[in-house]
Amino acid sequence: MDVAREKEQLLSIKVMRLTKPSFVSNIPILSESKDLPGNGGKLSDFYPSLGVAPNLTGFTMGELLTLPQNFGSIYLGETFSCFVSVHNDSIHNTQDIHVKTDLQTSSQRLTLSGGTTPPSPSLAPGACIDQVIHHEVKELGTHILVCAVSYTTPSGENLSFRKFYKFQVLKPLDVKTKFYNAESDEVYLEAQIQNITQSPMCMEKVALEPAADYTVEELNSTQAEDKKHLIFGGFTYLNPMDTRQYLYCLKAKTPAGAERPFLIKGVSSIGKLDIVWKTTLGEKGRLQTSQLQRMAPGYGDLKLSIAQIPDSVPLEKPFQLTCRVTSCCERTMDLKLVLNNVTGLVWLGISGKQLGKLGPNASMDIKLQLIPTVPGLQSISGMRLVDLYLKRTYEHDDIAQVFVYSDDEGAP
């Protein structure tokens, strides 16, 4: 109380949380022939109000709804709803009643109602002022609901009082992410989502909203008969402590007028996860992660990747592969290609060939030929790129693998 004790106030306030009922499981009540029900086998034969399905021997009383017995749990992303009632307990009329509710968190104070609402002109004895408040919870930790009431007594005295209601906001999901860099410019994101509440939830939406530099493809469904089917099956329920994995493929966007996507370096934001769920009775929750950060792999001054290569090739017959060389530095390089033969594969072509100049962040494709001399899985190595400006050599070994088979064995 700020001004007076509660017993001296003409008005009182009550706050009740609005929430849906919950399910409660009952243990089956069975009996033996020597017991009171006899051969009936079910206590519900004597108490039809239990609502048991008929002709089902030994069937449990089922899932019954029960009203909340306490404040319950509130999870991040859900909507907190409460009913605020101000009642005139006296035998006198009161005037200029103003009700204001604020929500105090560890970082801010939010006005939920009464900030700009004009005061009620009067409140008769036994009457009440009711309001319903809804607020989407966006912070973890301790929350305090502050309800302030001010009014004027018949004698013209201005009185006020406040009440505080404390509750905790808990974490509903545990979200873990992993990044996988492909040999191409693609990035794969694996999101592990665990339900850490006490009840099952229905996952309505788990989507990745990409940053401006990326496009995204979700890999959590299959296409069949012009319809998408989730790989998790027809049920989207996630039981308590269960974990589900979602996979997304991200690709860097190609700038306007460019032939290839730009090369992303260092730490970059790839987007955020948007998760929407519903509880057993349809209460909705939504959670958005912060921007997910990814450290791009370092390639040095030059990045060498394979643009095209066959999976298997016949023994002692030439085959072709296409290499893509990308500049990762801010200077222009004048490149020369040097090829060194290794065991199992022989380069077919001229070593020491001039490739020309490669500008900053630019790329070029190089078509090469090899002849396999040994069957089996062979690694392609011995490729050297020399920058003639700085006299610097960049060595590239184990850049790809190819399976070599003999003609009498046939292709695998």
Protein backbone atom coordinates (compact mmCIF):
# COMPACT_ATOMS: atom_id res chain seq x y z
CA MET A 1 0.00 0.00 0.00
CA ASP A 2 1.22 3.47 -0.85
CA VAL A 3 -1.25 5.75 0.95
CA ALA A 4 -3.49 3.77 3.21
CA ARG A 5 -3.95 0.27 4.52
CA GLU A 6 -6.16 -2.10 2.52
CA LYS A 7 -8.90 -2.26 5.19
CA GLU A 8 -9.34 1.51 4.95
CA GLN A 9 -9.90 1.43 1.20
CA LEU A 10 -13.36 1.66 -0.30
CA LEU A 11 -12.30 -0.36 -3.34
CA SER A 12 -10.56 -3.69 -3.73
CA ILE A 13 -8.84 -5.30 -6.70
CA LYS A 14 -8.57 -8.93 -7.76
CA VAL A 15 -6.40 -10.34 -10.54
CA MET A 16 -6.98 -13.78 -12.03
CA ARG A 17 -4.99 -15.41 -14.78
CA LEU A 18 -7.04 -16.58 -17.74
CA THR A 19 -5.94 -19.98 -18.98
CA LYS A 20 -7.54 -23.02 -20.51
CA PRO A 21 -8.19 -26.20 -18.53
CA SER A 22 -5.73 -29.05 -18.67
CA PHE A 23 -6.00 -32.80 -19.12
CA VAL A 24 -5.69 -35.11 -16.16
CA SER A 25 -5.19 -38.87 -16.46
CA ASN A 26 -6.99 -41.13 -14.03
CA ILE A 27 -5.91 -44.62 -12.95
CA PRO A 28 -8.39 -47.34 -14.00
CA ILE A 29 -10.58 -48.59 -11.15
CA LEU A 30 -11.13 -52.33 -11.52
CA SER A 31 -12.64 -54.95 -9.19
CA GLU A 32 -12.72 -58.69 -8.56
CA SER A 33 -15.75 -60.97 -8.21
CA LYS A 34 -15.60 -60.92 -4.39
CA ASP A 35 -15.70 -57.14 -4.29
CA LEU A 36 -18.86 -55.03 -3.96
CA PRO A 37 -19.46 -54.50 -7.71
CA GLY A 38 -19.42 -58.28 -8.22
CA ASN A 39 -18.83 -59.42 -11.77
CA GLY A 40 -19.50 -55.99 -13.20
CA GLY A 41 -15.78 -55.34 -13.25
CA LYS A 42 -16.12 -51.57 -13.35
CA LEU A 43 -16.91 -49.09 -10.63
CA SER A 44 -18.44 -46.87 -13.30
CA ASP A 45 -21.40 -49.29 -13.51
CA PHE A 46 -22.49 -47.87 -10.14
CA TYR A 47 -21.40 -44.30 -10.99
CA PRO A 48 -22.45 -43.48 -14.57
CA SER A 49 -21.41 -39.87 -14.05
CA LEU A 50 -17.78 -40.94 -14.55
CA GLY A 51 -18.52 -40.97 -18.25
CA VAL A 52 -16.81 -44.23 -19.19
CA ALA A 53 -17.48 -45.64 -22.64
CA PRO A 54 -20.00 -48.53 -22.42
CA ASN A 55 -19.09 -52.18 -23.09
CA LEU A 56 -15.35 -51.60 -22.62
CA THR A 57 -14.23 -53.86 -19.78
CA GLY A 58 -11.27 -52.54 -17.86
CA PHE A 59 -11.30 -49.26 -19.77
CA THR A 60 -9.88 -46.29 -17.90
CA MET A 61 -12.05 -43.36 -16.96
CA GLY A 62 -10.30 -41.46 -19.73
CA GLU A 63 -8.89 -37.98 -20.11
CA LEU A 64 -10.93 -35.53 -18.08
CA LEU A 65 -10.56 -31.78 -18.04
CA THR A 66 -9.61 -30.05 -14.83
CA LEU A 67 -9.58 -26.37 -14.00
CA PRO A 68 -6.23 -24.81 -13.05
CA GLN A 69 -5.48 -25.07 -9.36
CA ASN A 70 -2.58 -22.61 -9.36
CA PHE A 71 -1.03 -19.85 -11.43
CA GLY A 72 0.59 -22.39 -13.77
CA SER A 73 3.62 -22.01 -16.00
CA ILE A 74 4.16 -19.22 -18.50
CA TYR A 75 6.59 -19.79 -21.36
CA LEU A 76 8.44 -17.36 -23.55
CA GLY A 77 6.51 -16.61 -26.75
CA GLU A 78 3.09 -17.37 -25.27
CA THR A 79 0.36 -14.81 -24.57
CA PHE A 80 -0.23 -13.91 -20.93
CA SER A 81 -3.91 -13.16 -20.26
CA CYS A 82 -5.45 -11.98 -17.01
CA PHE A 83 -8.74 -10.65 -15.68
CA VAL A 84 -8.57 -7.50 -13.53
CA SER A 85 -11.61 -6.60 -11.43
CA VAL A 86 -12.00 -3.50 -9.22
CA HIS A 87 -14.94 -3.83 -6.81
CA ASN A 88 -16.63 -1.23 -4.62
CA ASP A 89 -16.82 -2.89 -1.18
CA SER A 90 -18.30 0.15 0.56
CA ILE A 91 -21.79 1.61 0.81
CA HIS A 92 -20.72 4.88 -0.84
CA ASN A 93 -20.34 6.01 -4.41
CA THR A 94 -16.79 6.68 -5.58
CA GLN A 95 -15.74 8.98 -8.39
CA ASP A 96 -12.90 9.33 -10.89
CA ILE A 97 -11.76 5.73 -10.70
CA HIS A 98 -8.57 5.12 -12.64
CA VAL A 99 -7.09 1.63 -13.07
CA LYS A 100 -3.62 1.19 -14.51
CA THR A 101 -1.65 -2.04 -15.02
CA ASP A 102 2.06 -2.16 -15.76
CA LEU A 103 4.38 -5.08 -16.37
CA GLN A 104 7.86 -4.74 -14.89
CA THR A 105 10.66 -6.91 -16.31
CA SER A 106 14.38 -6.93 -15.68
CA SER A 107 14.95 -4.52 -18.56
CA GLN A 108 11.82 -2.41 -19.01
CA ARG A 109 8.42 -1.36 -17.70
CA LEU A 110 5.45 -1.74 -20.03
CA THR A 111 2.01 -0.18 -19.63
CA LEU A 112 -0.62 -2.80 -20.45
CA SER A 113 -3.79 -0.78 -19.76
CA GLY A 114 -4.97 2.51 -18.34
CA GLY A 115 -2.17 4.64 -19.74
CA THR A 116 -4.42 6.87 -21.83
CA THR A 117 -7.86 5.69 -20.67
CA PRO A 118 -9.95 8.43 -19.02
CA PRO A 119 -11.14 7.75 -15.45
CA SER A 120 -14.54 6.19 -14.85
CA PRO A 121 -16.91 8.90 -13.57
CA SER A 122 -18.41 6.86 -10.72
CA LEU A 123 -18.70 3.39 -9.20
CA ALA A 124 -21.84 2.46 -7.22
CA PRO A 125 -21.73 0.23 -4.10
CA GLY A 126 -21.37 -3.42 -5.08
CA ALA A 127 -20.46 -2.55 -8.67
CA CYS A 128 -17.15 -3.39 -10.34
CA ILE A 129 -14.94 -2.36 -13.22
CA ASP A 130 -13.61 -5.34 -15.21
CA GLN A 131 -11.00 -5.57 -17.92
CA VAL A 132 -9.12 -8.33 -19.72
CA ILE A 133 -5.43 -7.89 -20.55
CA HIS A 134 -3.42 -9.78 -23.16
CA HIS A 135 0.34 -9.51 -23.54
CA GLU A 136 2.80 -11.58 -25.59
CA VAL A 137 5.71 -12.48 -23.34
CA LYS A 138 9.06 -11.66 -24.97
CA GLU A 139 11.50 -11.88 -22.06
CA LEU A 140 12.69 -14.61 -19.74
CA GLY A 141 12.93 -14.33 -15.97
CA THR A 142 10.93 -12.56 -13.28
CA HIS A 143 7.91 -10.45 -14.28
CA ILE A 144 5.91 -8.27 -11.89
CA LEU A 145 2.36 -7.19 -12.70
CA VAL A 146 1.72 -3.84 -11.00
CA CYS A 147 -1.97 -2.88 -10.60
CA ALA A 148 -2.60 0.70 -9.42
CA VAL A 149 -6.02 2.08 -8.50
CA SER A 150 -6.84 5.72 -7.71
CA TYR A 151 -10.23 7.25 -6.91
CA THR A 152 -12.06 10.02 -5.09
CA THR A 153 -14.19 9.41 -1.97
CA PRO A 154 -17.58 11.10 -1.39
CA SER A 155 -15.79 13.55 0.93
CA GLY A 156 -13.46 14.61 -1.89
CA GLU A 157 -10.37 12.77 -0.57
CA ASN A 158 -8.07 11.27 -3.20
CA LEU A 159 -6.98 7.73 -2.35
CA SER A 160 -4.86 5.18 -4.19
CA PHE A 161 -3.30 1.78 -3.66
CA ARG A 162 -1.24 -0.77 -5.58
CA LYS A 163 -0.89 -4.52 -5.70
CA PHE A 164 1.97 -6.59 -7.07
CA TYR A 165 1.82 -10.03 -8.67
CA LYS A 166 5.10 -11.80 -9.43
CA PHE A 167 5.52 -14.66 -11.88
CA GLN A 168 8.32 -16.38 -13.77
CA VAL A 169 8.61 -16.75 -17.54
CA LEU A 170 10.27 -20.03 -18.50
CA LYS A 171 12.08 -21.20 -21.63
CA PRO A 172 9.86 -23.47 -23.78
CA LEU A 173 12.40 -24.68 -26.36
CA ASP A 174 16.07 -25.46 -26.48
CA VAL A 175 17.40 -24.53 -29.92
CA LYS A 176 20.85 -25.61 -31.11
CA THR A 177 22.30 -24.90 -34.55
CA LYS A 178 25.18 -26.37 -36.56
CA PHE A 179 26.67 -25.20 -39.85
CA TYR A 180 28.15 -27.44 -42.55
CA ASN A 181 30.13 -25.95 -45.46
CA ALA A 182 29.87 -27.85 -48.75
CA GLU A 183 32.62 -27.95 -51.36
CA SER A 184 30.47 -25.61 -53.39
CA ASP A 185 29.24 -22.26 -52.09
CA GLU A 186 26.28 -23.89 -50.34
CA VAL A 187 25.89 -23.79 -46.56
CA TYR A 188 23.76 -26.31 -44.65
CA LEU A 189 22.11 -25.36 -41.37
CA GLU A 190 20.94 -28.04 -38.95
CA ALA A 191 18.56 -26.82 -36.24
CA GLN A 192 17.87 -29.10 -33.26
CA ILE A 193 14.68 -28.11 -31.43
CA GLN A 194 13.86 -29.72 -28.08
CA ASN A 195 10.59 -29.37 -26.16
CA ILE A 196 11.59 -28.63 -22.55
CA THR A 197 8.06 -27.91 -21.28
CA GLN A 198 5.93 -30.34 -19.28
CA SER A 199 3.35 -30.99 -22.01
CA PRO A 200 3.36 -31.92 -25.70
CA MET A 201 3.18 -29.23 -28.34
CA CYS A 202 2.11 -29.15 -31.96
CA MET A 203 4.80 -27.65 -34.20
CA GLU A 204 2.90 -25.50 -36.68
CA LYS A 205 5.86 -23.77 -38.33
CA VAL A 206 9.64 -23.99 -38.24
CA ALA A 207 11.05 -21.73 -40.94
CA LEU A 208 14.36 -20.05 -41.62
CA GLU A 209 14.08 -16.40 -42.66
CA PRO A 210 17.31 -15.78 -44.60
CA ALA A 211 19.38 -12.62 -44.49
CA ALA A 212 19.53 -10.33 -47.53
CA ASP A 213 22.66 -12.04 -48.93
CA TYR A 214 21.19 -15.57 -48.97
CA THR A 215 18.39 -17.66 -50.43
CA VAL A 216 17.14 -20.70 -48.50
CA GLU A 217 15.71 -24.10 -49.40
CA GLU A 218 14.09 -26.22 -46.69
CA LEU A 219 14.97 -29.93 -46.78
CA ASN A 220 12.35 -31.21 -44.35
CA SER A 221 9.78 -32.53 -46.82
CA THR A 222 9.52 -34.79 -49.85
CA GLN A 223 7.56 -34.24 -53.05
CA ALA A 224 5.17 -36.99 -54.08
CA GLU A 225 2.12 -36.79 -56.35
CA ASP A 226 2.30 -32.99 -56.48
CA LYS A 227 2.10 -32.82 -52.69
CA LYS A 228 4.67 -32.10 -50.04
CA HIS A 229 5.01 -34.59 -47.20
CA LEU A 230 6.96 -33.87 -44.05
CA ILE A 231 9.76 -36.33 -43.38
CA PHE A 232 8.53 -36.51 -39.77
CA GLY A 233 5.26 -38.10 -40.89
CA GLY A 234 1.69 -36.93 -40.50
CA PHE A 235 2.02 -36.04 -36.82
CA THR A 236 3.61 -32.75 -35.82
CA TYR A 237 3.49 -33.37 -32.05
CA LEU A 238 6.65 -32.94 -30.05
CA ASN A 239 6.47 -34.66 -26.68
CA PRO A 240 8.24 -33.30 -23.58
CA MET A 241 12.05 -33.60 -23.83
CA ASP A 242 11.82 -34.86 -27.42
CA THR A 243 14.13 -33.35 -30.04
CA ARG A 244 13.49 -32.82 -33.73
CA GLN A 245 16.08 -31.86 -36.36
CA TYR A 246 15.43 -29.50 -39.25
CA LEU A 247 17.77 -28.98 -42.22
CA TYR A 248 18.10 -25.97 -44.54
CA CYS A 249 20.34 -25.22 -47.51
CA LEU A 250 21.53 -21.64 -47.98
CA LYS A 251 23.06 -20.20 -51.12
CA ALA A 252 24.68 -16.80 -51.61
CA LYS A 253 22.71 -14.51 -53.93
CA THR A 254 24.09 -13.47 -57.30
CA PRO A 255 24.42 -9.65 -57.55
CA ALA A 256 22.66 -7.87 -60.40
CA GLY A 257 24.78 -8.04 -63.54
CA ALA A 258 27.14 -10.69 -62.13
CA GLU A 259 27.54 -14.22 -63.45
CA ARG A 260 28.25 -15.91 -60.12
CA PRO A 261 27.34 -15.36 -56.46
CA PHE A 262 29.66 -13.07 -54.53
CA LEU A 263 32.13 -14.58 -52.10
CA ILE A 264 31.16 -14.09 -48.43
CA LYS A 265 34.07 -13.65 -46.05
CA GLY A 266 34.46 -13.56 -42.28
CA VAL A 267 31.46 -13.49 -39.95
CA SER A 268 28.08 -13.01 -41.60
CA SER A 269 24.42 -13.17 -40.54
CA ILE A 270 22.54 -15.91 -42.36
CA GLY A 271 19.05 -15.27 -40.92
CA LYS A 272 16.84 -16.30 -38.01
CA LEU A 273 14.52 -19.15 -37.14
CA ASP A 274 10.78 -18.50 -36.79
CA ILE A 275 9.05 -21.16 -34.66
CA VAL A 276 5.28 -21.34 -34.07
CA TRP A 277 3.60 -23.99 -31.92
CA LYS A 278 0.32 -24.75 -30.16
CA THR A 279 -0.29 -26.52 -26.89
CA THR A 280 -2.77 -29.35 -26.33
CA LEU A 281 -5.78 -27.02 -26.17
CA GLY A 282 -4.75 -24.68 -28.98
CA GLU A 283 -2.88 -21.97 -27.07
CA LYS A 284 -0.43 -20.43 -29.52
CA GLY A 285 3.22 -19.62 -28.93
CA ARG A 286 5.84 -18.04 -31.16
CA LEU A 287 9.58 -17.72 -30.82
CA GLN A 288 12.15 -16.03 -33.05
CA THR A 289 15.85 -16.52 -32.57
CA SER A 290 18.35 -13.72 -32.89
CA GLN A 291 20.37 -13.44 -36.09
CA LEU A 292 22.40 -16.62 -36.56
CA GLN A 293 26.08 -15.92 -37.18
CA ARG A 294 28.32 -17.99 -39.43
CA MET A 295 32.07 -17.86 -39.85
CA ALA A 296 32.88 -18.33 -43.52
CA PRO A 297 35.80 -20.71 -44.15
CA GLY A 298 39.12 -19.11 -45.01
CA TYR A 299 40.57 -19.96 -48.42
CA GLY A 300 43.65 -17.75 -48.44
CA ASP A 301 44.26 -15.74 -51.62
CA LEU A 302 42.81 -18.38 -53.97
CA LYS A 303 39.89 -20.78 -53.73
CA LEU A 304 39.89 -23.85 -55.95
CA SER A 305 36.68 -25.85 -56.39
CA ILE A 306 35.46 -28.55 -58.77
CA ALA A 307 32.72 -27.37 -61.12
CA GLN A 308 32.33 -30.65 -63.06
CA ILE A 309 33.83 -34.15 -62.76
CA PRO A 310 32.57 -37.68 -63.57
CA ASP A 311 31.96 -40.14 -60.75
CA SER A 312 33.72 -43.04 -62.47
CA VAL A 313 36.00 -43.36 -65.52
CA PRO A 314 37.42 -46.30 -67.50
CA LEU A 315 41.06 -47.31 -67.13
CA GLU A 316 43.60 -45.73 -69.54
CA LYS A 317 41.01 -43.53 -71.22
CA PRO A 318 41.16 -39.72 -70.83
CA PHE A 319 38.48 -37.86 -68.98
CA GLN A 320 37.80 -34.19 -68.38
CA LEU A 321 37.19 -32.11 -65.29
CA THR A 322 36.45 -28.42 -64.83
CA CYS A 323 38.08 -26.47 -62.00
CA ARG A 324 36.93 -23.05 -60.83
CA VAL A 325 39.53 -20.64 -59.47
CA THR A 326 38.22 -17.72 -57.38
CA SER A 327 40.26 -14.78 -56.10
CA CYS A 328 39.74 -14.12 -52.38
CA CYS A 329 42.09 -11.12 -52.16
CA GLU A 330 41.85 -7.45 -53.10
CA ARG A 331 44.59 -7.42 -55.72
CA THR A 332 44.96 -8.57 -59.31
CA MET A 333 46.94 -11.75 -59.95
CA ASP A 334 48.64 -13.02 -63.12
CA LEU A 335 48.36 -16.81 -62.95
CA LYS A 336 50.31 -19.69 -64.47
CA LEU A 337 49.23 -23.32 -64.26
CA VAL A 338 51.78 -26.01 -63.39
CA LEU A 339 50.81 -29.71 -63.41
CA ASN A 340 52.73 -32.45 -61.58
CA ASN A 341 51.92 -36.10 -62.26
CA VAL A 342 51.13 -38.40 -59.34
CA THR A 343 50.71 -42.14 -59.00
CA GLY A 344 47.53 -43.45 -60.60
CA LEU A 345 46.71 -40.38 -62.76
CA VAL A 346 48.61 -38.59 -65.51
CA TRP A 347 47.84 -35.03 -66.57
CA LEU A 348 47.16 -34.65 -70.30
CA GLY A 349 48.17 -31.21 -71.54
CA ILE A 350 50.83 -28.52 -71.27
CA SER A 351 52.30 -27.63 -67.87
CA GLY A 352 53.29 -23.98 -67.36
CA LYS A 353 50.37 -22.59 -69.33
CA GLN A 354 49.57 -18.89 -68.84
CA LEU A 355 46.01 -18.43 -67.50
CA GLY A 356 45.99 -14.63 -67.61
CA LYS A 357 44.98 -12.03 -65.10
CA LEU A 358 42.42 -12.62 -62.34
CA GLY A 359 40.89 -9.54 -60.70
CA PRO A 360 39.74 -9.14 -57.08
CA ASN A 361 36.81 -11.44 -56.18
CA ALA A 362 36.71 -12.68 -59.78
CA SER A 363 36.78 -16.29 -60.93
CA MET A 364 37.69 -18.35 -63.99
CA ASP A 365 37.01 -21.93 -65.15
CA ILE A 366 39.85 -24.22 -66.23
CA LYS A 367 39.16 -27.36 -68.28
CA LEU A 368 41.74 -30.14 -67.77
CA GLN A 369 42.21 -33.72 -68.90
CA LEU A 370 43.72 -36.73 -67.14
CA ILE A 371 44.45 -40.38 -68.01
CA PRO A 372 43.97 -42.96 -65.22
CA THR A 373 46.69 -45.62 -65.05
CA VAL A 374 45.70 -47.57 -61.92
CA PRO A 375 42.21 -48.93 -61.13
CA GLY A 376 40.41 -48.08 -57.90
CA LEU A 377 39.58 -44.85 -56.09
CA GLN A 378 42.17 -42.26 -57.14
CA SER A 379 42.82 -38.80 -55.69
CA ILE A 380 43.51 -35.89 -58.03
CA SER A 381 46.57 -33.93 -56.92
CA GLY A 382 49.60 -32.09 -58.24
CA MET A 383 47.95 -28.85 -59.37
CA ARG A 384 49.96 -25.64 -58.82
CA LEU A 385 48.95 -22.04 -59.45
CA VAL A 386 51.76 -19.46 -59.61
CA ASP A 387 51.17 -15.72 -59.21
CA LEU A 388 53.72 -14.13 -61.52
CA TYR A 389 53.40 -10.73 -59.85
CA LEU A 390 54.50 -11.88 -56.37
CA LYS A 391 56.28 -15.09 -57.50
CA ARG A 392 54.04 -16.98 -55.08
CA THR A 393 52.98 -20.60 -55.61
CA TYR A 394 49.66 -22.00 -54.42
CA GLU A 395 49.64 -25.80 -54.05
CA HIS A 396 46.41 -27.76 -54.47
CA ASP A 397 46.38 -31.49 -53.65
CA ASP A 398 43.52 -33.93 -53.01
CA ILE A 399 41.13 -31.60 -54.78
CA ALA A 400 38.77 -34.46 -55.82
CA GLN A 401 38.44 -38.22 -56.10
CA VAL A 402 37.38 -40.39 -59.03
CA PHE A 403 36.76 -44.14 -59.29
CA VAL A 404 38.72 -45.91 -62.06
CA TYR A 405 37.45 -49.25 -63.43
CA SER A 406 38.80 -51.62 -66.08
CA ASP A 407 36.78 -52.36 -69.21
CA ASP A 408 36.23 -56.01 -68.30
CA GLU A 409 34.77 -55.00 -64.91
CA GLY A 410 32.35 -52.48 -66.34
CA ALA A 411 31.09 -49.27 -64.81
CA PRO A 412 29.79 -49.54 -61.20
